[in-house]
Amino acid sequence: MDFRMGEIIEWRSSRLDPERVDIIALWGFDSPSAGGRDVWERWRSARPDRLNQWAPYGPEGRREWLTIVGRSIPRRVEGLDRPPGCVYHLDGTHVTGEAAFYLAIGEAINGPGGYFGWNLDALDDCLAGRFGARTPFTLIWSDSQVARESLTRTLGEADDAPSYFEVIQKIFAERDVDVVLR
């Protein structure tokens, strides 16, 4: 089963009939992995309306969920961000991998099914604004120890190379995010 993915990128009055509009859209098909089909079916039936609906899935399902989240973000629009100084709450209970971190931060900033990056570069881009939050802000990260123990992949060859968790903390600090680890 393939899933139709589309995005309307522009609309304008039709040159042929002033009572109609012309729509310009990007269309494509995506075939989810065998382990991710139920995630796509879940999203096809209804958008998430509660936090952590991705949590019961394993790593493959969480990656598929993150793929859908990334494709579901609204086009970047000025004024989309909440003002600087806001406080966001990241539920770290299920942050046992990199995809889980991005799903949890997306929900912390933008609610169920929310997007706020899919890798370190995208996280840094989101922190620059126009993805739901404007720095400086405070991030209260509950159950952060789960991520500290899970996001241990090192980034670099040196013996003292930082872990993925440490690099996330560095990015937050550089972008003026006050992270409160609980």
N, C-alpha and C. Protein backbone atom coordinates (compact mmCIF):
# COMPACT_ATOMS: atom_id res chain seq x y z
N MET A 1 0.85 -1.18 0.00
CA MET A 1 0.00 0.00 0.00
C MET A 1 0.90 1.24 0.00
N ASP A 2 0.65 2.14 -0.91
CA ASP A 2 1.36 3.40 -0.96
C ASP A 2 0.48 4.50 -0.39
N PHE A 3 1.10 5.54 0.12
CA PHE A 3 0.37 6.66 0.69
C PHE A 3 0.67 7.90 -0.12
N ARG A 4 -0.36 8.56 -0.52
CA ARG A 4 -0.22 9.77 -1.31
C ARG A 4 0.19 10.91 -0.39
N MET A 5 1.25 11.58 -0.74
CA MET A 5 1.73 12.72 0.02
C MET A 5 1.67 13.93 -0.90
N GLY A 6 1.15 15.03 -0.42
CA GLY A 6 1.08 16.22 -1.25
C GLY A 6 1.17 17.48 -0.43
N GLU A 7 1.58 18.53 -1.09
CA GLU A 7 1.69 19.82 -0.43
C GLU A 7 1.28 20.89 -1.43
N ILE A 8 0.29 21.69 -1.07
CA ILE A 8 -0.10 22.82 -1.91
C ILE A 8 0.93 23.91 -1.68
N ILE A 9 1.58 24.34 -2.74
CA ILE A 9 2.62 25.36 -2.59
C ILE A 9 2.18 26.73 -3.07
N GLU A 10 1.08 26.78 -3.87
CA GLU A 10 0.59 28.08 -4.34
C GLU A 10 -0.81 27.92 -4.92
N TRP A 11 -1.60 28.97 -4.83
CA TRP A 11 -2.87 29.02 -5.53
C TRP A 11 -3.09 30.45 -6.00
N ARG A 12 -3.83 30.57 -7.11
CA ARG A 12 -4.07 31.89 -7.69
C ARG A 12 -5.33 31.83 -8.55
N SER A 13 -5.87 32.98 -8.85
CA SER A 13 -7.04 33.04 -9.72
C SER A 13 -6.70 32.42 -11.06
N SER A 14 -7.64 31.67 -11.57
CA SER A 14 -7.43 31.00 -12.84
C SER A 14 -7.47 32.00 -13.98
N ARG A 15 -6.57 31.85 -14.94
CA ARG A 15 -6.58 32.72 -16.12
C ARG A 15 -7.72 32.32 -17.06
N LEU A 16 -8.18 31.10 -16.95
CA LEU A 16 -9.23 30.62 -17.84
C LEU A 16 -10.63 30.91 -17.34
N ASP A 17 -10.80 30.96 -16.02
CA ASP A 17 -12.13 31.18 -15.45
C ASP A 17 -11.96 31.94 -14.13
N PRO A 18 -12.40 33.20 -14.06
CA PRO A 18 -12.19 34.01 -12.85
C PRO A 18 -12.94 33.48 -11.62
N GLU A 19 -13.84 32.55 -11.80
CA GLU A 19 -14.58 31.98 -10.66
C GLU A 19 -13.88 30.76 -10.10
N ARG A 20 -12.74 30.42 -10.65
CA ARG A 20 -11.97 29.24 -10.19
C ARG A 20 -10.57 29.66 -9.79
N VAL A 21 -9.89 28.73 -9.12
CA VAL A 21 -8.48 28.96 -8.77
C VAL A 21 -7.64 27.85 -9.36
N ASP A 22 -6.40 28.19 -9.64
CA ASP A 22 -5.42 27.20 -10.06
C ASP A 22 -4.60 26.85 -8.82
N ILE A 23 -4.39 25.58 -8.60
CA ILE A 23 -3.62 25.11 -7.46
C ILE A 23 -2.35 24.46 -7.98
N ILE A 24 -1.23 24.83 -7.38
CA ILE A 24 0.04 24.22 -7.71
C ILE A 24 0.43 23.38 -6.50
N ALA A 25 0.65 22.07 -6.75
CA ALA A 25 0.95 21.16 -5.66
C ALA A 25 2.11 20.25 -6.03
N LEU A 26 2.84 19.84 -5.03
CA LEU A 26 3.87 18.83 -5.19
C LEU A 26 3.25 17.51 -4.74
N TRP A 27 3.26 16.51 -5.60
CA TRP A 27 2.64 15.23 -5.27
C TRP A 27 3.67 14.13 -5.38
N GLY A 28 3.46 13.11 -4.64
CA GLY A 28 4.34 11.95 -4.71
C GLY A 28 3.72 10.80 -3.94
N PHE A 29 4.36 9.68 -4.02
CA PHE A 29 3.91 8.51 -3.29
C PHE A 29 5.05 8.06 -2.41
N ASP A 30 4.70 7.51 -1.29
CA ASP A 30 5.69 6.98 -0.37
C ASP A 30 5.26 5.60 0.05
N SER A 31 6.17 4.70 0.05
CA SER A 31 5.89 3.35 0.53
C SER A 31 6.62 3.16 1.84
N PRO A 32 5.88 3.07 2.93
CA PRO A 32 6.53 2.89 4.22
C PRO A 32 7.15 1.51 4.32
N SER A 33 8.10 1.38 5.23
CA SER A 33 8.69 0.08 5.47
C SER A 33 7.62 -0.84 6.04
N ALA A 34 7.86 -2.14 5.96
CA ALA A 34 6.89 -3.11 6.46
C ALA A 34 6.59 -2.86 7.94
N GLY A 35 7.60 -2.51 8.72
CA GLY A 35 7.42 -2.26 10.14
C GLY A 35 6.76 -0.93 10.45
N GLY A 36 6.62 -0.07 9.45
CA GLY A 36 6.04 1.24 9.70
C GLY A 36 4.65 1.44 9.13
N ARG A 37 4.10 0.42 8.49
CA ARG A 37 2.79 0.57 7.86
C ARG A 37 1.70 0.94 8.86
N ASP A 38 1.72 0.35 10.04
CA ASP A 38 0.67 0.68 11.01
C ASP A 38 0.78 2.12 11.48
N VAL A 39 2.00 2.69 11.49
CA VAL A 39 2.17 4.10 11.84
C VAL A 39 1.48 4.97 10.79
N TRP A 40 1.74 4.66 9.52
CA TRP A 40 1.12 5.43 8.44
C TRP A 40 -0.40 5.29 8.48
N GLU A 41 -0.89 4.09 8.75
CA GLU A 41 -2.34 3.88 8.86
C GLU A 41 -2.91 4.71 10.01
N ARG A 42 -2.19 4.74 11.11
CA ARG A 42 -2.63 5.53 12.27
C ARG A 42 -2.77 7.00 11.89
N TRP A 43 -1.77 7.54 11.20
CA TRP A 43 -1.81 8.95 10.78
C TRP A 43 -2.87 9.20 9.72
N ARG A 44 -3.06 8.22 8.85
CA ARG A 44 -4.06 8.38 7.79
C ARG A 44 -5.47 8.48 8.38
N SER A 45 -5.70 7.77 9.47
CA SER A 45 -7.03 7.78 10.08
C SER A 45 -7.27 9.03 10.93
N ALA A 46 -6.24 9.54 11.59
CA ALA A 46 -6.41 10.74 12.43
C ALA A 46 -5.05 11.27 12.86
N ARG A 47 -4.97 12.57 12.91
CA ARG A 47 -3.76 13.22 13.40
C ARG A 47 -3.67 12.99 14.91
N PRO A 48 -2.45 12.86 15.47
CA PRO A 48 -2.32 12.64 16.92
C PRO A 48 -2.98 13.76 17.72
N ASP A 49 -3.66 13.37 18.79
CA ASP A 49 -4.33 14.36 19.62
C ASP A 49 -3.89 14.28 21.09
N ARG A 50 -2.94 13.40 21.37
CA ARG A 50 -2.37 13.27 22.72
C ARG A 50 -0.86 13.09 22.59
N LEU A 51 -0.16 13.50 23.62
CA LEU A 51 1.30 13.33 23.64
C LEU A 51 1.67 11.85 23.71
N ASN A 52 2.81 11.54 23.18
CA ASN A 52 3.44 10.21 23.29
C ASN A 52 2.69 9.09 22.59
N GLN A 53 1.87 9.40 21.61
CA GLN A 53 1.21 8.32 20.88
C GLN A 53 2.21 7.53 20.05
N TRP A 54 3.38 8.05 19.84
CA TRP A 54 4.44 7.36 19.11
C TRP A 54 5.20 6.39 20.02
N ALA A 55 5.09 6.55 21.33
CA ALA A 55 5.92 5.82 22.29
C ALA A 55 5.78 4.30 22.22
N PRO A 56 4.62 3.73 21.95
CA PRO A 56 4.53 2.26 21.91
C PRO A 56 5.28 1.61 20.75
N TYR A 57 5.64 2.39 19.75
CA TYR A 57 6.33 1.83 18.60
C TYR A 57 7.81 1.61 18.90
N GLY A 58 8.39 0.63 18.22
CA GLY A 58 9.82 0.38 18.33
C GLY A 58 10.59 1.37 17.48
N PRO A 59 11.91 1.19 17.38
CA PRO A 59 12.75 2.14 16.63
C PRO A 59 12.30 2.38 15.19
N GLU A 60 11.92 1.34 14.47
CA GLU A 60 11.50 1.51 13.08
C GLU A 60 10.20 2.31 13.00
N GLY A 61 9.25 1.99 13.84
CA GLY A 61 7.99 2.73 13.87
C GLY A 61 8.18 4.18 14.26
N ARG A 62 9.09 4.43 15.19
CA ARG A 62 9.37 5.81 15.60
C ARG A 62 10.02 6.59 14.47
N ARG A 63 10.90 5.95 13.70
CA ARG A 63 11.51 6.64 12.54
C ARG A 63 10.44 6.96 11.50
N GLU A 64 9.51 6.04 11.27
CA GLU A 64 8.41 6.31 10.33
C GLU A 64 7.55 7.46 10.84
N TRP A 65 7.26 7.47 12.15
CA TRP A 65 6.46 8.55 12.75
C TRP A 65 7.17 9.88 12.51
N LEU A 66 8.48 9.89 12.71
CA LEU A 66 9.25 11.12 12.51
C LEU A 66 9.23 11.55 11.05
N THR A 67 9.26 10.60 10.13
CA THR A 67 9.15 10.93 8.71
C THR A 67 7.84 11.63 8.42
N ILE A 68 6.75 11.09 8.97
CA ILE A 68 5.43 11.69 8.74
C ILE A 68 5.37 13.08 9.38
N VAL A 69 5.88 13.20 10.60
CA VAL A 69 5.89 14.50 11.28
C VAL A 69 6.61 15.54 10.43
N GLY A 70 7.76 15.16 9.90
CA GLY A 70 8.54 16.09 9.08
C GLY A 70 7.82 16.51 7.82
N ARG A 71 7.02 15.63 7.26
CA ARG A 71 6.27 15.95 6.04
C ARG A 71 4.96 16.66 6.32
N SER A 72 4.57 16.69 7.58
CA SER A 72 3.29 17.29 7.95
C SER A 72 3.41 18.72 8.45
N ILE A 73 4.65 19.22 8.57
CA ILE A 73 4.81 20.57 9.11
C ILE A 73 4.23 21.59 8.16
N PRO A 74 3.59 22.62 8.70
CA PRO A 74 3.10 23.68 7.83
C PRO A 74 4.29 24.43 7.22
N ARG A 75 4.05 25.03 6.08
CA ARG A 75 5.12 25.84 5.49
C ARG A 75 5.54 26.90 6.48
N ARG A 76 6.84 27.18 6.52
CA ARG A 76 7.36 28.17 7.46
C ARG A 76 6.72 29.52 7.21
N VAL A 77 6.20 30.11 8.27
CA VAL A 77 5.49 31.37 8.15
C VAL A 77 5.95 32.30 9.28
N GLU A 78 6.22 33.55 8.95
CA GLU A 78 6.53 34.52 9.98
C GLU A 78 5.38 34.60 10.97
N GLY A 79 5.69 34.79 12.23
CA GLY A 79 4.66 34.93 13.25
C GLY A 79 4.19 33.60 13.80
N LEU A 80 4.74 32.49 13.30
CA LEU A 80 4.36 31.17 13.76
C LEU A 80 4.87 30.90 15.18
N ASP A 81 5.97 31.53 15.53
CA ASP A 81 6.61 31.26 16.82
C ASP A 81 5.87 31.91 17.98
N ARG A 82 5.88 31.20 19.11
CA ARG A 82 5.47 31.85 20.35
C ARG A 82 6.61 32.79 20.76
N PRO A 83 6.34 33.76 21.57
CA PRO A 83 7.35 34.77 21.88
C PRO A 83 8.51 34.22 22.72
N PRO A 84 9.65 34.92 22.71
CA PRO A 84 10.76 34.52 23.58
C PRO A 84 10.31 34.50 25.04
N GLY A 85 11.01 33.69 25.83
CA GLY A 85 10.73 33.64 27.26
C GLY A 85 9.74 32.57 27.67
N CYS A 86 9.20 31.84 26.71
CA CYS A 86 8.24 30.78 27.05
C CYS A 86 8.95 29.61 27.75
N VAL A 87 8.16 28.80 28.42
CA VAL A 87 8.65 27.60 29.07
C VAL A 87 7.98 26.40 28.40
N TYR A 88 8.78 25.43 27.99
CA TYR A 88 8.29 24.23 27.34
C TYR A 88 8.67 23.02 28.21
N HIS A 89 7.83 21.99 28.17
CA HIS A 89 8.06 20.79 28.98
C HIS A 89 8.25 19.59 28.07
N LEU A 90 9.44 19.00 28.13
CA LEU A 90 9.75 17.82 27.34
C LEU A 90 9.62 16.60 28.24
N ASP A 91 8.72 15.69 27.86
CA ASP A 91 8.55 14.43 28.59
C ASP A 91 9.60 13.46 28.08
N GLY A 92 10.61 13.21 28.88
CA GLY A 92 11.71 12.35 28.47
C GLY A 92 11.54 10.88 28.79
N THR A 93 10.37 10.51 29.24
CA THR A 93 10.11 9.13 29.65
C THR A 93 10.48 8.12 28.57
N HIS A 94 10.21 8.44 27.31
CA HIS A 94 10.38 7.48 26.22
C HIS A 94 11.53 7.84 25.27
N VAL A 95 12.42 8.72 25.69
CA VAL A 95 13.52 9.15 24.82
C VAL A 95 14.65 8.13 24.93
N THR A 96 14.45 7.02 24.21
CA THR A 96 15.42 5.93 24.23
C THR A 96 16.21 5.83 22.93
N GLY A 97 16.07 6.81 22.07
CA GLY A 97 16.80 6.83 20.81
C GLY A 97 16.70 8.21 20.20
N GLU A 98 17.43 8.40 19.12
CA GLU A 98 17.48 9.72 18.48
C GLU A 98 16.12 10.13 17.92
N ALA A 99 15.43 9.24 17.22
CA ALA A 99 14.11 9.58 16.69
C ALA A 99 13.17 9.96 17.83
N ALA A 100 13.24 9.24 18.93
CA ALA A 100 12.37 9.53 20.08
C ALA A 100 12.65 10.92 20.64
N PHE A 101 13.92 11.34 20.65
CA PHE A 101 14.22 12.69 21.12
C PHE A 101 13.51 13.73 20.24
N TYR A 102 13.60 13.58 18.93
CA TYR A 102 12.99 14.57 18.03
C TYR A 102 11.47 14.54 18.12
N LEU A 103 10.89 13.37 18.34
CA LEU A 103 9.45 13.30 18.53
C LEU A 103 9.05 14.00 19.83
N ALA A 104 9.82 13.79 20.88
CA ALA A 104 9.51 14.41 22.18
C ALA A 104 9.70 15.92 22.15
N ILE A 105 10.78 16.41 21.53
CA ILE A 105 10.99 17.86 21.48
C ILE A 105 9.94 18.50 20.56
N GLY A 106 9.57 17.81 19.49
CA GLY A 106 8.52 18.32 18.61
C GLY A 106 7.21 18.50 19.34
N GLU A 107 6.87 17.53 20.19
CA GLU A 107 5.65 17.65 20.97
C GLU A 107 5.77 18.69 22.07
N ALA A 108 6.95 18.81 22.66
CA ALA A 108 7.15 19.81 23.72
C ALA A 108 6.92 21.21 23.16
N ILE A 109 7.37 21.46 21.96
CA ILE A 109 7.26 22.79 21.36
C ILE A 109 5.92 22.99 20.66
N ASN A 110 5.48 21.99 19.89
CA ASN A 110 4.33 22.17 19.00
C ASN A 110 3.15 21.25 19.25
N GLY A 111 3.14 20.52 20.34
CA GLY A 111 2.00 19.67 20.67
C GLY A 111 2.04 18.33 19.96
N PRO A 112 1.00 17.50 20.17
CA PRO A 112 0.98 16.16 19.59
C PRO A 112 1.23 16.17 18.08
N GLY A 113 2.14 15.31 17.65
CA GLY A 113 2.49 15.24 16.23
C GLY A 113 3.31 16.42 15.75
N GLY A 114 3.85 17.22 16.68
CA GLY A 114 4.59 18.41 16.32
C GLY A 114 6.00 18.11 15.85
N TYR A 115 6.53 19.01 15.05
CA TYR A 115 7.88 18.90 14.48
C TYR A 115 8.79 19.96 15.09
N PHE A 116 10.02 19.54 15.41
CA PHE A 116 11.06 20.49 15.80
C PHE A 116 12.42 19.87 15.51
N GLY A 117 12.58 19.42 14.28
CA GLY A 117 13.84 18.84 13.83
C GLY A 117 13.78 17.33 13.70
N TRP A 118 14.73 16.80 12.89
CA TRP A 118 14.84 15.35 12.72
C TRP A 118 16.29 14.89 12.82
N ASN A 119 17.20 15.85 12.89
CA ASN A 119 18.62 15.55 13.15
C ASN A 119 19.23 16.80 13.79
N LEU A 120 20.52 16.76 14.10
CA LEU A 120 21.14 17.88 14.82
C LEU A 120 21.11 19.18 14.02
N ASP A 121 21.35 19.11 12.73
CA ASP A 121 21.29 20.32 11.90
C ASP A 121 19.88 20.90 11.86
N ALA A 122 18.90 20.04 11.73
CA ALA A 122 17.51 20.51 11.69
C ALA A 122 17.10 21.09 13.04
N LEU A 123 17.56 20.50 14.14
CA LEU A 123 17.28 21.06 15.47
C LEU A 123 17.84 22.48 15.55
N ASP A 124 19.07 22.65 15.10
CA ASP A 124 19.70 23.97 15.11
C ASP A 124 18.91 24.95 14.24
N ASP A 125 18.46 24.50 13.08
CA ASP A 125 17.62 25.36 12.22
C ASP A 125 16.33 25.76 12.92
N CYS A 126 15.68 24.81 13.57
CA CYS A 126 14.42 25.10 14.27
C CYS A 126 14.65 26.12 15.39
N LEU A 127 15.78 26.04 16.05
CA LEU A 127 16.07 26.97 17.14
C LEU A 127 16.34 28.38 16.63
N ALA A 128 16.55 28.52 15.32
CA ALA A 128 16.74 29.85 14.74
C ALA A 128 15.40 30.56 14.54
N GLY A 129 14.30 29.84 14.72
CA GLY A 129 12.98 30.45 14.62
C GLY A 129 12.18 29.96 13.43
N ARG A 130 10.89 30.31 13.47
CA ARG A 130 9.92 29.98 12.44
C ARG A 130 9.49 28.53 12.45
N PHE A 131 9.69 27.84 13.58
CA PHE A 131 9.22 26.47 13.72
C PHE A 131 8.44 26.27 15.02
N GLY A 132 7.97 27.36 15.62
CA GLY A 132 7.11 27.24 16.79
C GLY A 132 7.62 27.92 18.04
N ALA A 133 8.94 28.13 18.14
CA ALA A 133 9.51 28.73 19.35
C ALA A 133 10.57 29.75 18.98
N ARG A 134 10.64 30.79 19.74
CA ARG A 134 11.66 31.82 19.54
C ARG A 134 12.53 31.86 20.80
N THR A 135 13.83 31.76 20.62
CA THR A 135 14.75 31.84 21.76
C THR A 135 14.89 33.29 22.20
N PRO A 136 15.28 33.51 23.44
CA PRO A 136 15.57 32.50 24.46
C PRO A 136 14.29 31.91 25.03
N PHE A 137 14.38 30.65 25.43
CA PHE A 137 13.28 30.01 26.14
C PHE A 137 13.84 28.99 27.11
N THR A 138 12.98 28.48 27.98
CA THR A 138 13.37 27.47 28.95
C THR A 138 12.73 26.15 28.56
N LEU A 139 13.53 25.09 28.61
CA LEU A 139 13.06 23.74 28.34
C LEU A 139 13.23 22.93 29.62
N ILE A 140 12.13 22.52 30.19
CA ILE A 140 12.18 21.66 31.38
C ILE A 140 12.04 20.23 30.87
N TRP A 141 13.11 19.45 31.04
CA TRP A 141 13.21 18.11 30.48
C TRP A 141 13.08 17.10 31.60
N SER A 142 11.89 16.54 31.77
CA SER A 142 11.70 15.53 32.81
C SER A 142 12.24 14.18 32.34
N ASP A 143 12.63 13.37 33.29
CA ASP A 143 13.20 12.04 33.01
C ASP A 143 14.35 12.13 32.01
N SER A 144 15.17 13.16 32.14
CA SER A 144 16.29 13.36 31.21
C SER A 144 17.33 12.26 31.31
N GLN A 145 17.37 11.56 32.42
CA GLN A 145 18.34 10.47 32.60
C GLN A 145 18.12 9.36 31.57
N VAL A 146 16.88 9.15 31.16
CA VAL A 146 16.60 8.14 30.14
C VAL A 146 17.38 8.46 28.87
N ALA A 147 17.34 9.72 28.44
CA ALA A 147 18.08 10.13 27.24
C ALA A 147 19.58 10.10 27.47
N ARG A 148 20.02 10.56 28.63
CA ARG A 148 21.46 10.55 28.93
C ARG A 148 22.02 9.14 28.80
N GLU A 149 21.25 8.14 29.24
CA GLU A 149 21.70 6.75 29.19
C GLU A 149 21.50 6.12 27.81
N SER A 150 20.63 6.71 26.99
CA SER A 150 20.31 6.12 25.68
C SER A 150 21.02 6.80 24.52
N LEU A 151 21.22 8.09 24.59
CA LEU A 151 21.81 8.84 23.48
C LEU A 151 23.33 8.91 23.67
N THR A 152 23.95 7.76 23.63
CA THR A 152 25.38 7.66 23.96
C THR A 152 26.29 7.57 22.74
N ARG A 153 25.70 7.49 21.55
CA ARG A 153 26.54 7.43 20.35
C ARG A 153 27.46 8.64 20.34
N THR A 154 28.76 8.40 20.16
CA THR A 154 29.69 9.52 20.15
C THR A 154 29.80 10.10 18.75
N LEU A 155 30.05 11.40 18.72
CA LEU A 155 30.16 12.11 17.45
C LEU A 155 31.62 12.54 17.31
N GLY A 156 32.39 11.71 16.69
CA GLY A 156 33.81 11.96 16.51
C GLY A 156 34.62 10.73 16.85
N GLU A 157 35.89 10.76 16.48
CA GLU A 157 36.77 9.62 16.67
C GLU A 157 37.57 9.68 17.98
N ALA A 158 37.74 10.86 18.53
CA ALA A 158 38.57 11.02 19.72
C ALA A 158 37.97 10.28 20.90
N ASP A 159 38.84 9.90 21.83
CA ASP A 159 38.38 9.20 23.04
C ASP A 159 37.42 10.06 23.85
N ASP A 160 37.61 11.36 23.78
CA ASP A 160 36.75 12.27 24.55
C ASP A 160 35.66 12.91 23.69
N ALA A 161 35.31 12.25 22.57
CA ALA A 161 34.26 12.78 21.69
C ALA A 161 32.95 12.84 22.47
N PRO A 162 32.18 13.92 22.23
CA PRO A 162 30.93 14.07 22.98
C PRO A 162 29.86 13.07 22.52
N SER A 163 28.99 12.73 23.44
CA SER A 163 27.86 11.86 23.11
C SER A 163 26.79 12.69 22.41
N TYR A 164 25.85 12.01 21.80
CA TYR A 164 24.74 12.68 21.14
C TYR A 164 23.99 13.57 22.13
N PHE A 165 23.78 13.06 23.34
CA PHE A 165 23.10 13.83 24.38
C PHE A 165 23.88 15.10 24.70
N GLU A 166 25.20 15.01 24.80
CA GLU A 166 26.02 16.19 25.10
C GLU A 166 25.99 17.20 23.96
N VAL A 167 25.96 16.74 22.73
CA VAL A 167 25.90 17.65 21.59
C VAL A 167 24.56 18.39 21.58
N ILE A 168 23.49 17.69 21.89
CA ILE A 168 22.18 18.35 21.99
C ILE A 168 22.25 19.47 23.02
N GLN A 169 22.85 19.20 24.16
CA GLN A 169 22.95 20.22 25.22
C GLN A 169 23.78 21.42 24.74
N LYS A 170 24.83 21.13 23.98
CA LYS A 170 25.68 22.21 23.45
C LYS A 170 24.90 23.09 22.47
N ILE A 171 24.13 22.46 21.60
CA ILE A 171 23.32 23.22 20.64
C ILE A 171 22.32 24.10 21.38
N PHE A 172 21.65 23.54 22.38
CA PHE A 172 20.70 24.34 23.17
C PHE A 172 21.41 25.54 23.81
N ALA A 173 22.56 25.31 24.39
CA ALA A 173 23.30 26.40 25.05
C ALA A 173 23.70 27.48 24.04
N GLU A 174 24.18 27.07 22.88
CA GLU A 174 24.59 28.03 21.86
C GLU A 174 23.42 28.85 21.33
N ARG A 175 22.23 28.30 21.37
CA ARG A 175 21.03 28.99 20.86
C ARG A 175 20.23 29.67 21.98
N ASP A 176 20.81 29.76 23.16
CA ASP A 176 20.21 30.49 24.29
C ASP A 176 18.94 29.82 24.82
N VAL A 177 19.01 28.49 24.93
CA VAL A 177 17.92 27.74 25.54
C VAL A 177 18.40 27.29 26.91
N ASP A 178 17.66 27.66 27.93
CA ASP A 178 17.97 27.25 29.31
C ASP A 178 17.32 25.90 29.53
N VAL A 179 18.13 24.85 29.62
CA VAL A 179 17.61 23.49 29.79
C VAL A 179 17.71 23.11 31.26
N VAL A 180 16.57 22.72 31.80
CA VAL A 180 16.50 22.26 33.18
C VAL A 180 16.30 20.74 33.12
N LEU A 181 17.35 20.00 33.47
CA LEU A 181 17.27 18.54 33.42
C LEU A 181 16.72 18.03 34.74
N ARG A 182 15.70 17.24 34.65
CA ARG A 182 15.07 16.65 35.85
C ARG A 182 15.05 15.15 35.72
